[in-house]
Amino acid sequence: MSKQVKKLTTGLTGLKVSPNPKRTLGILYAKTSRALNKLPADCAYRKYTESIISQRSAIIKEVSALASGCGPTLIIGYSN
């Protein structure tokens, strides 16, 4: 039987553990993207920030895939 352990602390003073970090990050990235869409398309800040957001969103999707049982497939893919 596998036990799931609930994380009680981040180890950082004053920083609480988020009950649903993937959802929270997804919402924040979407909100940031909407704000960036108000900037000119050729703005350097917009380009770099959109790049960072897309990379981080991809990481969140990978973590979601690992949680749903696709871990061995991803590990095999990385090792090849």
PDB file of N, CA and C in Angstrom:
ATOM      1  N   MET A   1       0.824  -1.179   0.000  1.00  0.00           N
ATOM      2  CA  MET A   1       0.000   0.000   0.000  1.00  0.00           C
ATOM      3  C   MET A   1       0.868   1.243   0.000  1.00  0.00           C
ATOM      4  N   SER A   2       0.534   2.177  -0.836  1.00  0.00           N
ATOM      5  CA  SER A   2       1.310   3.403  -0.888  1.00  0.00           C
ATOM      6  C   SER A   2       0.628   4.476  -0.055  1.00  0.00           C
ATOM      7  N   LYS A   3       1.412   5.149   0.750  1.00  0.00           N
ATOM      8  CA  LYS A   3       0.911   6.241   1.569  1.00  0.00           C
ATOM      9  C   LYS A   3       1.283   7.553   0.913  1.00  0.00           C
ATOM     10  N   GLN A   4       0.333   8.464   0.883  1.00  0.00           N
ATOM     11  CA  GLN A   4       0.645   9.790   0.395  1.00  0.00           C
ATOM     12  C   GLN A   4       0.898  10.687   1.588  1.00  0.00           C
ATOM     13  N   VAL A   5       1.996  11.388   1.550  1.00  0.00           N
ATOM     14  CA  VAL A   5       2.369  12.268   2.640  1.00  0.00           C
ATOM     15  C   VAL A   5       2.025  13.689   2.251  1.00  0.00           C
ATOM     16  N   LYS A   6       1.332  14.367   3.142  1.00  0.00           N
ATOM     17  CA  LYS A   6       0.976  15.757   2.900  1.00  0.00           C
ATOM     18  C   LYS A   6       2.112  16.643   3.373  1.00  0.00           C
ATOM     19  N   LYS A   7       2.573  17.520   2.494  1.00  0.00           N
ATOM     20  CA  LYS A   7       3.657  18.418   2.842  1.00  0.00           C
ATOM     21  C   LYS A   7       3.111  19.509   3.751  1.00  0.00           C
ATOM     22  N   LEU A   8       3.731  19.689   4.900  1.00  0.00           N
ATOM     23  CA  LEU A   8       3.240  20.641   5.883  1.00  0.00           C
ATOM     24  C   LEU A   8       3.992  21.963   5.870  1.00  0.00           C
ATOM     25  N   THR A   9       5.219  21.966   5.353  1.00  0.00           N
ATOM     26  CA  THR A   9       6.023  23.177   5.368  1.00  0.00           C
ATOM     27  C   THR A   9       6.906  23.244   4.131  1.00  0.00           C
ATOM     28  N   THR A  10       7.243  24.472   3.749  1.00  0.00           N
ATOM     29  CA  THR A  10       8.165  24.666   2.635  1.00  0.00           C
ATOM     30  C   THR A  10       9.607  24.738   3.117  1.00  0.00           C
ATOM     31  N   GLY A  11       9.771  24.917   4.420  1.00  0.00           N
ATOM     32  CA  GLY A  11      11.112  25.095   4.968  1.00  0.00           C
ATOM     33  C   GLY A  11      11.562  26.544   4.909  1.00  0.00           C
ATOM     34  N   LEU A  12      10.725  27.430   4.373  1.00  0.00           N
ATOM     35  CA  LEU A  12      11.029  28.848   4.288  1.00  0.00           C
ATOM     36  C   LEU A  12      10.081  29.612   5.209  1.00  0.00           C
ATOM     37  N   THR A  13      10.613  30.431   6.058  1.00  0.00           N
ATOM     38  CA  THR A  13       9.807  31.166   7.026  1.00  0.00           C
ATOM     39  C   THR A  13       8.792  32.051   6.323  1.00  0.00           C
ATOM     40  N   GLY A  14       7.532  31.890   6.703  1.00  0.00           N
ATOM     41  CA  GLY A  14       6.467  32.731   6.183  1.00  0.00           C
ATOM     42  C   GLY A  14       5.886  32.290   4.855  1.00  0.00           C
ATOM     43  N   LEU A  15       6.432  31.272   4.237  1.00  0.00           N
ATOM     44  CA  LEU A  15       5.932  30.799   2.948  1.00  0.00           C
ATOM     45  C   LEU A  15       5.119  29.536   3.165  1.00  0.00           C
ATOM     46  N   LYS A  16       3.819  29.646   2.943  1.00  0.00           N
ATOM     47  CA  LYS A  16       2.925  28.518   3.171  1.00  0.00           C
ATOM     48  C   LYS A  16       2.934  27.566   1.974  1.00  0.00           C
ATOM     49  N   VAL A  17       2.594  26.334   2.230  1.00  0.00           N
ATOM     50  CA  VAL A  17       2.492  25.313   1.191  1.00  0.00           C
ATOM     51  C   VAL A  17       1.198  25.549   0.414  1.00  0.00           C
ATOM     52  N   SER A  18       1.296  25.568  -0.891  1.00  0.00           N
ATOM     53  CA  SER A  18       0.114  25.736  -1.736  1.00  0.00           C
ATOM     54  C   SER A  18      -0.632  24.410  -1.813  1.00  0.00           C
ATOM     55  N   PRO A  19      -1.963  24.429  -1.607  1.00  0.00           N
ATOM     56  CA  PRO A  19      -2.715  23.176  -1.664  1.00  0.00           C
ATOM     57  C   PRO A  19      -2.796  22.592  -3.079  1.00  0.00           C
ATOM     58  N   ASN A  20      -2.689  23.426  -4.105  1.00  0.00           N
ATOM     59  CA  ASN A  20      -2.776  22.961  -5.486  1.00  0.00           C
ATOM     60  C   ASN A  20      -1.818  23.793  -6.353  1.00  0.00           C
ATOM     61  N   PRO A  21      -0.512  23.534  -6.271  1.00  0.00           N
ATOM     62  CA  PRO A  21       0.458  24.389  -6.954  1.00  0.00           C
ATOM     63  C   PRO A  21       0.361  24.370  -8.481  1.00  0.00           C
ATOM     64  N   LYS A  22       0.035  23.240  -9.078  1.00  0.00           N
ATOM     65  CA  LYS A  22      -0.047  23.176 -10.539  1.00  0.00           C
ATOM     66  C   LYS A  22      -1.147  24.093 -11.065  1.00  0.00           C
ATOM     67  N   ARG A  23      -2.298  24.044 -10.405  1.00  0.00           N
ATOM     68  CA  ARG A  23      -3.417  24.890 -10.808  1.00  0.00           C
ATOM     69  C   ARG A  23      -3.069  26.366 -10.599  1.00  0.00           C
ATOM     70  N   THR A  24      -2.469  26.668  -9.459  1.00  0.00           N
ATOM     71  CA  THR A  24      -2.105  28.049  -9.152  1.00  0.00           C
ATOM     72  C   THR A  24      -1.116  28.600 -10.170  1.00  0.00           C
ATOM     73  N   LEU A  25      -0.091  27.820 -10.491  1.00  0.00           N
ATOM     74  CA  LEU A  25       0.893  28.269 -11.478  1.00  0.00           C
ATOM     75  C   LEU A  25       0.253  28.445 -12.849  1.00  0.00           C
ATOM     76  N   GLY A  26      -0.635  27.542 -13.226  1.00  0.00           N
ATOM     77  CA  GLY A  26      -1.331  27.671 -14.505  1.00  0.00           C
ATOM     78  C   GLY A  26      -2.129  28.959 -14.589  1.00  0.00           C
ATOM     79  N   ILE A  27      -2.806  29.301 -13.503  1.00  0.00           N
ATOM     80  CA  ILE A  27      -3.582  30.540 -13.462  1.00  0.00           C
ATOM     81  C   ILE A  27      -2.662  31.755 -13.557  1.00  0.00           C
ATOM     82  N   LEU A  28      -1.558  31.729 -12.808  1.00  0.00           N
ATOM     83  CA  LEU A  28      -0.628  32.857 -12.842  1.00  0.00           C
ATOM     84  C   LEU A  28       0.007  33.034 -14.211  1.00  0.00           C
ATOM     85  N   TYR A  29       0.373  31.928 -14.858  1.00  0.00           N
ATOM     86  CA  TYR A  29       0.969  32.022 -16.190  1.00  0.00           C
ATOM     87  C   TYR A  29      -0.042  32.562 -17.198  1.00  0.00           C
ATOM     88  N   ALA A  30      -1.296  32.154 -17.089  1.00  0.00           N
ATOM     89  CA  ALA A  30      -2.336  32.658 -17.989  1.00  0.00           C
ATOM     90  C   ALA A  30      -2.556  34.151 -17.769  1.00  0.00           C
ATOM     91  N   LYS A  31      -2.569  34.567 -16.524  1.00  0.00           N
ATOM     92  CA  LYS A  31      -2.756  35.979 -16.205  1.00  0.00           C
ATOM     93  C   LYS A  31      -1.589  36.817 -16.749  1.00  0.00           C
ATOM     94  N   THR A  32      -0.380  36.312 -16.591  1.00  0.00           N
ATOM     95  CA  THR A  32       0.797  37.010 -17.110  1.00  0.00           C
ATOM     96  C   THR A  32       0.751  37.086 -18.632  1.00  0.00           C
ATOM     97  N   SER A  33       0.325  36.015 -19.284  1.00  0.00           N
ATOM     98  CA  SER A  33       0.219  36.014 -20.749  1.00  0.00           C
ATOM     99  C   SER A  33      -0.772  37.065 -21.236  1.00  0.00           C
ATOM    100  N   ARG A  34      -1.905  37.168 -20.536  1.00  0.00           N
ATOM    101  CA  ARG A  34      -2.894  38.196 -20.925  1.00  0.00           C
ATOM    102  C   ARG A  34      -2.315  39.599 -20.780  1.00  0.00           C
ATOM    103  N   ALA A  35      -1.544  39.822 -19.728  1.00  0.00           N
ATOM    104  CA  ALA A  35      -0.919  41.124 -19.529  1.00  0.00           C
ATOM    105  C   ALA A  35       0.123  41.397 -20.604  1.00  0.00           C
ATOM    106  N   LEU A  36       0.876  40.361 -20.989  1.00  0.00           N
ATOM    107  CA  LEU A  36       1.900  40.537 -22.022  1.00  0.00           C
ATOM    108  C   LEU A  36       1.286  40.844 -23.381  1.00  0.00           C
ATOM    109  N   ASN A  37       0.081  40.339 -23.632  1.00  0.00           N
ATOM    110  CA  ASN A  37      -0.577  40.592 -24.911  1.00  0.00           C
ATOM    111  C   ASN A  37      -0.896  42.065 -25.111  1.00  0.00           C
ATOM    112  N   LYS A  38      -0.855  42.844 -24.049  1.00  0.00           N
ATOM    113  CA  LYS A  38      -1.106  44.285 -24.155  1.00  0.00           C
ATOM    114  C   LYS A  38       0.132  45.051 -24.608  1.00  0.00           C
ATOM    115  N   LEU A  39       1.288  44.404 -24.536  1.00  0.00           N
ATOM    116  CA  LEU A  39       2.537  45.030 -24.977  1.00  0.00           C
ATOM    117  C   LEU A  39       2.715  44.827 -26.482  1.00  0.00           C
ATOM    118  N   PRO A  40       3.503  45.700 -27.125  1.00  0.00           N
ATOM    119  CA  PRO A  40       3.782  45.507 -28.553  1.00  0.00           C
ATOM    120  C   PRO A  40       4.470  44.160 -28.806  1.00  0.00           C
ATOM    121  N   ALA A  41       4.152  43.539 -29.926  1.00  0.00           N
ATOM    122  CA  ALA A  41       4.684  42.213 -30.252  1.00  0.00           C
ATOM    123  C   ALA A  41       6.205  42.206 -30.381  1.00  0.00           C
ATOM    124  N   ASP A  42       6.820  43.331 -30.739  1.00  0.00           N
ATOM    125  CA  ASP A  42       8.267  43.374 -30.911  1.00  0.00           C
ATOM    126  C   ASP A  42       9.008  43.799 -29.648  1.00  0.00           C
ATOM    127  N   CYS A  43       8.304  43.955 -28.556  1.00  0.00           N
ATOM    128  CA  CYS A  43       8.898  44.349 -27.278  1.00  0.00           C
ATOM    129  C   CYS A  43       9.757  43.199 -26.741  1.00  0.00           C
ATOM    130  N   ALA A  44      11.018  43.502 -26.410  1.00  0.00           N
ATOM    131  CA  ALA A  44      11.949  42.472 -25.941  1.00  0.00           C
ATOM    132  C   ALA A  44      11.454  41.815 -24.653  1.00  0.00           C
ATOM    133  N   TYR A  45      10.919  42.612 -23.733  1.00  0.00           N
ATOM    134  CA  TYR A  45      10.421  42.054 -22.470  1.00  0.00           C
ATOM    135  C   TYR A  45       9.323  41.032 -22.730  1.00  0.00           C
ATOM    136  N   ARG A  46       8.423  41.354 -23.662  1.00  0.00           N
ATOM    137  CA  ARG A  46       7.324  40.428 -23.983  1.00  0.00           C
ATOM    138  C   ARG A  46       7.874  39.121 -24.556  1.00  0.00           C
ATOM    139  N   LYS A  47       8.798  39.227 -25.485  1.00  0.00           N
ATOM    140  CA  LYS A  47       9.359  38.028 -26.113  1.00  0.00           C
ATOM    141  C   LYS A  47      10.031  37.112 -25.096  1.00  0.00           C
ATOM    142  N   TYR A  48      10.883  37.684 -24.256  1.00  0.00           N
ATOM    143  CA  TYR A  48      11.622  36.871 -23.292  1.00  0.00           C
ATOM    144  C   TYR A  48      10.702  36.282 -22.228  1.00  0.00           C
ATOM    145  N   THR A  49       9.743  37.079 -21.768  1.00  0.00           N
ATOM    146  CA  THR A  49       8.836  36.590 -20.741  1.00  0.00           C
ATOM    147  C   THR A  49       7.920  35.502 -21.288  1.00  0.00           C
ATOM    148  N   GLU A  50       7.446  35.655 -22.525  1.00  0.00           N
ATOM    149  CA  GLU A  50       6.629  34.607 -23.141  1.00  0.00           C
ATOM    150  C   GLU A  50       7.424  33.310 -23.277  1.00  0.00           C
ATOM    151  N   SER A  51       8.697  33.439 -23.607  1.00  0.00           N
ATOM    152  CA  SER A  51       9.560  32.261 -23.730  1.00  0.00           C
ATOM    153  C   SER A  51       9.687  31.535 -22.386  1.00  0.00           C
ATOM    154  N   ILE A  52       9.902  32.295 -21.323  1.00  0.00           N
ATOM    155  CA  ILE A  52      10.035  31.701 -19.992  1.00  0.00           C
ATOM    156  C   ILE A  52       8.730  31.025 -19.586  1.00  0.00           C
ATOM    157  N   ILE A  53       7.607  31.694 -19.830  1.00  0.00           N
ATOM    158  CA  ILE A  53       6.302  31.134 -19.457  1.00  0.00           C
ATOM    159  C   ILE A  53       6.032  29.838 -20.215  1.00  0.00           C
ATOM    160  N   SER A  54       6.357  29.801 -21.499  1.00  0.00           N
ATOM    161  CA  SER A  54       6.094  28.581 -22.269  1.00  0.00           C
ATOM    162  C   SER A  54       6.969  27.427 -21.791  1.00  0.00           C
ATOM    163  N   GLN A  55       8.223  27.717 -21.426  1.00  0.00           N
ATOM    164  CA  GLN A  55       9.106  26.675 -20.891  1.00  0.00           C
ATOM    165  C   GLN A  55       8.583  26.141 -19.566  1.00  0.00           C
ATOM    166  N   ARG A  56       8.161  27.033 -18.701  1.00  0.00           N
ATOM    167  CA  ARG A  56       7.667  26.616 -17.388  1.00  0.00           C
ATOM    168  C   ARG A  56       6.338  25.883 -17.505  1.00  0.00           C
ATOM    169  N   SER A  57       5.496  26.290 -18.434  1.00  0.00           N
ATOM    170  CA  SER A  57       4.229  25.587 -18.647  1.00  0.00           C
ATOM    171  C   SER A  57       4.483  24.160 -19.117  1.00  0.00           C
ATOM    172  N   ALA A  58       5.478  23.997 -19.958  1.00  0.00           N
ATOM    173  CA  ALA A  58       5.836  22.650 -20.426  1.00  0.00           C
ATOM    174  C   ALA A  58       6.288  21.777 -19.258  1.00  0.00           C
ATOM    175  N   ILE A  59       7.021  22.364 -18.323  1.00  0.00           N
ATOM    176  CA  ILE A  59       7.473  21.620 -17.148  1.00  0.00           C
ATOM    177  C   ILE A  59       6.276  21.188 -16.312  1.00  0.00           C
ATOM    178  N   ILE A  60       5.324  22.078 -16.136  1.00  0.00           N
ATOM    179  CA  ILE A  60       4.121  21.735 -15.366  1.00  0.00           C
ATOM    180  C   ILE A  60       3.382  20.583 -16.028  1.00  0.00           C
ATOM    181  N   LYS A  61       3.292  20.590 -17.350  1.00  0.00           N
ATOM    182  CA  LYS A  61       2.618  19.507 -18.064  1.00  0.00           C
ATOM    183  C   LYS A  61       3.366  18.186 -17.875  1.00  0.00           C
ATOM    184  N   GLU A  62       4.685  18.226 -17.875  1.00  0.00           N
ATOM    185  CA  GLU A  62       5.473  17.020 -17.651  1.00  0.00           C
ATOM    186  C   GLU A  62       5.240  16.475 -16.248  1.00  0.00           C
ATOM    187  N   VAL A  63       5.202  17.351 -15.273  1.00  0.00           N
ATOM    188  CA  VAL A  63       4.972  16.925 -13.899  1.00  0.00           C
ATOM    189  C   VAL A  63       3.582  16.327 -13.784  1.00  0.00           C
ATOM    190  N   SER A  64       2.603  16.894 -14.468  1.00  0.00           N
ATOM    191  CA  SER A  64       1.250  16.340 -14.458  1.00  0.00           C
ATOM    192  C   SER A  64       1.251  14.950 -15.070  1.00  0.00           C
ATOM    193  N   ALA A  65       2.009  14.770 -16.151  1.00  0.00           N
ATOM    194  CA  ALA A  65       2.079  13.458 -16.798  1.00  0.00           C
ATOM    195  C   ALA A  65       2.721  12.443 -15.867  1.00  0.00           C
ATOM    196  N   LEU A  66       3.731  12.852 -15.141  1.00  0.00           N
ATOM    197  CA  LEU A  66       4.368  11.944 -14.191  1.00  0.00           C
ATOM    198  C   LEU A  66       3.394  11.528 -13.102  1.00  0.00           C
ATOM    199  N   ALA A  67       2.592  12.471 -12.643  1.00  0.00           N
ATOM    200  CA  ALA A  67       1.646  12.165 -11.572  1.00  0.00           C
ATOM    201  C   ALA A  67       0.566  11.200 -12.034  1.00  0.00           C
ATOM    202  N   SER A  68       0.259  11.215 -13.336  1.00  0.00           N
ATOM    203  CA  SER A  68      -0.808  10.346 -13.819  1.00  0.00           C
ATOM    204  C   SER A  68      -0.304   8.970 -14.252  1.00  0.00           C
ATOM    205  N   GLY A  69       0.966   8.661 -13.987  1.00  0.00           N
ATOM    206  CA  GLY A  69       1.477   7.322 -14.240  1.00  0.00           C
ATOM    207  C   GLY A  69       2.287   7.171 -15.512  1.00  0.00           C
ATOM    208  N   CYS A  70       2.636   8.261 -16.159  1.00  0.00           N
ATOM    209  CA  CYS A  70       3.412   8.181 -17.399  1.00  0.00           C
ATOM    210  C   CYS A  70       4.904   8.320 -17.141  1.00  0.00           C
ATOM    211  N   GLY A  71       5.327   8.258 -15.892  1.00  0.00           N
ATOM    212  CA  GLY A  71       6.731   8.438 -15.534  1.00  0.00           C
ATOM    213  C   GLY A  71       7.680   7.521 -16.257  1.00  0.00           C
ATOM    214  N   PRO A  72       7.438   6.201 -16.266  1.00  0.00           N
ATOM    215  CA  PRO A  72       8.386   5.310 -16.938  1.00  0.00           C
ATOM    216  C   PRO A  72       8.563   5.634 -18.418  1.00  0.00           C
ATOM    217  N   THR A  73       7.503   6.038 -19.087  1.00  0.00           N
ATOM    218  CA  THR A  73       7.602   6.392 -20.504  1.00  0.00           C
ATOM    219  C   THR A  73       8.497   7.608 -20.687  1.00  0.00           C
ATOM    220  N   LEU A  74       8.352   8.617 -19.825  1.00  0.00           N
ATOM    221  CA  LEU A  74       9.179   9.808 -19.936  1.00  0.00           C
ATOM    222  C   LEU A  74      10.632   9.494 -19.623  1.00  0.00           C
ATOM    223  N   ILE A  75      10.875   8.656 -18.629  1.00  0.00           N
ATOM    224  CA  ILE A  75      12.251   8.305 -18.259  1.00  0.00           C
ATOM    225  C   ILE A  75      12.938   7.573 -19.417  1.00  0.00           C
ATOM    226  N   ILE A  76      12.233   6.647 -20.021  1.00  0.00           N
ATOM    227  CA  ILE A  76      12.788   5.910 -21.163  1.00  0.00           C
ATOM    228  C   ILE A  76      13.071   6.864 -22.319  1.00  0.00           C
ATOM    229  N   GLY A  77      12.167   7.807 -22.553  1.00  0.00           N
ATOM    230  CA  GLY A  77      12.352   8.777 -23.624  1.00  0.00           C
ATOM    231  C   GLY A  77      13.580   9.643 -23.409  1.00  0.00           C
ATOM    232  N   TYR A  78      13.840  10.052 -22.156  1.00  0.00           N
ATOM    233  CA  TYR A  78      15.000  10.886 -21.848  1.00  0.00           C
ATOM    234  C   TYR A  78      16.300  10.102 -21.927  1.00  0.00           C
ATOM    235  N   SER A  79      16.256   8.818 -21.607  1.00  0.00           N
ATOM    236  CA  SER A  79      17.492   8.055 -21.580  1.00  0.00           C
ATOM    237  C   SER A  79      17.946   7.639 -22.970  1.00  0.00           C
ATOM    238  N   ASN A  80      17.055   7.714 -23.978  1.00  0.00           N
ATOM    239  CA  ASN A  80      17.430   7.320 -25.343  1.00  0.00           C
ATOM    240  C   ASN A  80      18.055   8.425 -26.106  1.00  0.00           C
TER     241      ASN A  80
END
